Amino acid sequence: MPRIRSFPPVADDHATILILGSMPGKESLKQQQYYAHPQNAFWKIMGDLVGAHPALPYPQRLHALNAAHIALWDVLHSCERAGSLDSDIEQEEANDFAAFFAKHPNIAHVCFNGAKAEQSFKRFVLGKQELPPLQFARLPSTSPAHAGMRYEEKLKLWKKTICSHL
C-alpha cells in the first residue's frame, strides 16, 4: 500500500480555532488542496460560515479561513492507504502538535472533522505530546462518505460550534 503524507497546516498568528481532518483523500492529494473532492461539504460549510465559498480560488478560501481566525490541518502526518476512505488508513504517524501549538499559542479550540480525526488524535497525540489546555469538539464529517446526515443538519452543528468560538 502506498505511504501518503498530509499537507502543511494553514494557520496564521491570529488563529484561535483549529479544524482537524484525518488525512487528505485521493482528490485532495492530486490537487494538493484541502477538501478538494467536489462532493465534500467542507468548503460549502465554510462558505456559509465565513465566506470561504467553494467557487472562490483556493488561495482566497484559505485567506478567508485565516481572516476568520481558523487554522486547518490534519491529525496524521503520514499513513498507508490505498483509496480515500478513513477506514482504510493504516500505519499512522501523527503530526507534531507540540511544535504547532507552540507556534500558534492563541488556539484554544480544536474541532475534529469527523470521528476518525478525533479517534486518531486521542490515540496518537493525547498523552504522547505536550499540549496546552485545549477545548475539543467533534463535528460531523464533511466527507461524501458520511451521507447519513443532510447538509442542513451538518451546517447547523458546525455553525453552533465554530461560530461560538469566533
Protein backbone atom coordinates (compact mmCIF):
# COMPACT_ATOMS: atom_id res chain seq x y z
CA MET A 1 0.00 0.00 0.00
CA PRO A 2 1.31 3.49 -0.76
CA ARG A 3 2.51 5.78 2.04
CA ILE A 4 0.87 9.18 1.76
CA ARG A 5 1.67 12.44 3.52
CA SER A 6 -0.55 15.28 4.65
CA PHE A 7 -0.15 18.96 3.84
CA PRO A 8 1.41 21.70 5.94
CA PRO A 9 -1.01 23.48 8.26
CA VAL A 10 -2.93 26.53 7.13
CA ALA A 11 -2.58 28.90 10.07
CA ASP A 12 -1.53 32.41 10.90
CA ASP A 13 -0.60 34.10 14.16
CA HIS A 14 -4.20 35.12 14.88
CA ALA A 15 -5.78 31.65 14.70
CA THR A 16 -7.97 30.74 17.66
CA ILE A 17 -9.66 27.61 16.25
CA LEU A 18 -8.01 24.58 14.66
CA ILE A 19 -10.07 22.30 12.43
CA LEU A 20 -8.51 18.87 12.08
CA GLY A 21 -9.22 16.25 9.46
CA SER A 22 -7.66 12.81 9.45
CA MET A 23 -5.71 12.63 6.16
CA PRO A 24 -6.31 14.14 2.69
CA GLY A 25 -8.16 11.89 0.26
CA LYS A 26 -7.04 10.96 -3.24
CA GLU A 27 -8.53 14.02 -4.94
CA SER A 28 -7.06 16.38 -2.35
CA LEU A 29 -3.63 14.78 -2.74
CA LYS A 30 -3.91 15.02 -6.53
CA GLN A 31 -4.85 18.72 -6.40
CA GLN A 32 -2.67 19.49 -3.35
CA GLN A 33 -5.64 21.21 -1.71
CA TYR A 34 -7.54 20.52 1.48
CA TYR A 35 -11.03 19.06 0.86
CA ALA A 36 -10.74 19.07 -2.94
CA HIS A 37 -13.35 16.37 -3.60
CA PRO A 38 -16.27 18.25 -5.20
CA GLN A 39 -18.83 16.39 -3.06
CA ASN A 40 -17.07 17.13 0.23
CA ALA A 41 -19.19 19.69 2.09
CA PHE A 42 -16.28 21.39 3.89
CA TRP A 43 -15.92 24.41 1.61
CA LYS A 44 -19.67 24.80 1.25
CA ILE A 45 -19.96 24.91 5.05
CA MET A 46 -17.02 27.30 5.34
CA GLY A 47 -18.62 29.44 2.63
CA ASP A 48 -21.84 29.65 4.62
CA LEU A 49 -19.98 30.36 7.88
CA VAL A 50 -17.04 32.62 6.96
CA GLY A 51 -17.25 33.37 3.23
CA ALA A 52 -14.76 30.70 2.07
CA HIS A 53 -17.09 29.64 -0.75
CA PRO A 54 -16.12 26.68 -2.96
CA ALA A 55 -16.40 28.88 -6.07
CA LEU A 56 -13.53 31.06 -4.87
CA PRO A 57 -9.99 30.22 -5.95
CA TYR A 58 -8.27 28.03 -3.35
CA PRO A 59 -5.86 30.75 -2.08
CA GLN A 60 -8.84 33.07 -1.43
CA ARG A 61 -10.63 30.32 0.52
CA LEU A 62 -7.54 29.89 2.70
CA HIS A 63 -7.35 33.65 3.17
CA ALA A 64 -11.00 33.69 4.32
CA LEU A 65 -10.21 31.00 6.90
CA ASN A 66 -7.23 32.99 8.17
CA ALA A 67 -9.35 36.16 8.32
CA ALA A 68 -11.85 34.25 10.50
CA HIS A 69 -9.01 33.06 12.78
CA ILE A 70 -9.46 29.45 11.68
CA ALA A 71 -6.49 27.14 11.19
CA LEU A 72 -6.70 23.94 9.17
CA TRP A 73 -4.60 20.76 9.38
CA ASP A 74 -4.76 17.00 9.63
CA VAL A 75 -4.07 14.80 12.62
CA LEU A 76 -1.90 12.44 10.63
CA HIS A 77 1.43 13.36 9.09
CA SER A 78 1.55 10.16 7.07
CA CYS A 79 -0.13 6.80 6.73
CA GLU A 80 -0.70 3.93 4.36
CA ARG A 81 -3.97 3.93 2.45
CA ALA A 82 -5.00 2.56 -0.92
CA GLY A 83 -8.04 4.79 -1.52
CA SER A 84 -9.67 7.71 0.25
CA LEU A 85 -11.67 6.03 3.00
CA ASP A 86 -10.69 6.72 6.60
CA SER A 87 -11.47 3.09 7.39
CA ASP A 88 -8.58 2.04 5.11
CA ILE A 89 -5.94 4.07 6.97
CA GLU A 90 -3.07 2.01 8.41
CA GLN A 91 0.40 2.64 9.87
CA GLU A 92 -0.47 6.13 11.13
CA GLU A 93 2.09 8.73 12.16
CA ALA A 94 0.81 11.90 13.84
CA ASN A 95 1.81 15.46 13.09
CA ASP A 96 3.91 17.37 15.65
CA PHE A 97 1.21 19.19 17.59
CA ALA A 98 3.53 20.27 20.40
CA ALA A 99 5.52 22.37 17.92
CA PHE A 100 2.37 23.57 16.17
CA PHE A 101 0.71 24.85 19.34
CA ALA A 102 3.98 26.45 20.47
CA LYS A 103 3.92 28.47 17.21
CA HIS A 104 0.17 29.20 17.50
CA PRO A 105 -0.47 29.97 21.18
CA ASN A 106 -3.83 31.70 20.57
CA ILE A 107 -5.52 28.46 19.53
CA ALA A 108 -7.74 27.26 22.35
CA HIS A 109 -10.35 25.24 20.44
CA VAL A 110 -9.82 22.12 18.34
CA CYS A 111 -12.66 20.86 16.16
CA PHE A 112 -12.45 17.42 14.61
CA ASN A 113 -13.93 16.96 11.15
CA GLY A 114 -15.41 13.55 11.87
CA ALA A 115 -14.85 10.58 14.14
CA LYS A 116 -11.61 9.30 12.56
CA ALA A 117 -9.83 12.62 13.17
CA GLU A 118 -10.91 12.58 16.81
CA GLN A 119 -10.00 8.90 17.29
CA SER A 120 -6.56 9.38 15.72
CA PHE A 121 -5.86 12.44 17.85
CA LYS A 122 -6.80 10.59 21.02
CA ARG A 123 -4.76 7.55 20.03
CA PHE A 124 -1.59 9.18 18.69
CA VAL A 125 -1.41 12.66 20.23
CA LEU A 126 -3.16 12.98 23.61
CA GLY A 127 -0.84 11.86 26.38
CA LYS A 128 2.03 11.45 23.91
CA GLN A 129 2.74 15.07 23.02
CA GLU A 130 2.87 18.07 25.34
CA LEU A 131 -0.15 20.24 24.59
CA PRO A 132 -1.55 23.43 26.08
CA PRO A 133 -5.02 23.42 27.67
CA LEU A 134 -7.50 23.00 24.82
CA GLN A 135 -11.22 22.53 24.31
CA PHE A 136 -12.25 19.78 21.90
CA ALA A 137 -15.38 19.23 19.81
CA ARG A 138 -16.18 16.55 17.26
CA LEU A 139 -18.22 17.72 14.30
CA PRO A 140 -19.97 15.58 11.71
CA SER A 141 -17.67 14.63 8.88
CA THR A 142 -17.98 16.72 5.73
CA SER A 143 -16.90 13.71 3.66
CA PRO A 144 -19.27 12.42 0.98
CA ALA A 145 -18.81 9.02 2.65
CA HIS A 146 -20.77 10.42 5.64
CA ALA A 147 -24.05 10.62 3.76
CA GLY A 148 -26.29 9.68 6.69
CA MET A 149 -26.78 13.33 7.67
CA ARG A 150 -28.29 16.05 5.50
CA TYR A 151 -26.25 19.14 4.68
CA GLU A 152 -28.57 21.39 6.70
CA GLU A 153 -28.01 19.28 9.81
CA LYS A 154 -24.23 19.32 9.35
CA LEU A 155 -24.25 23.08 8.79
CA LYS A 156 -26.32 23.67 11.94
CA LEU A 157 -23.86 21.68 14.10
CA TRP A 158 -20.79 23.25 12.50
CA LYS A 159 -22.28 26.73 12.89
CA LYS A 160 -23.16 26.17 16.55
CA THR A 161 -19.61 25.04 17.36
CA ILE A 162 -17.46 27.21 15.09
CA CYS A 163 -19.37 30.47 15.42
CA SER A 164 -19.49 30.24 19.21
CA HIS A 165 -15.67 30.42 19.24
CA LEU A 166 -15.11 33.15 16.64
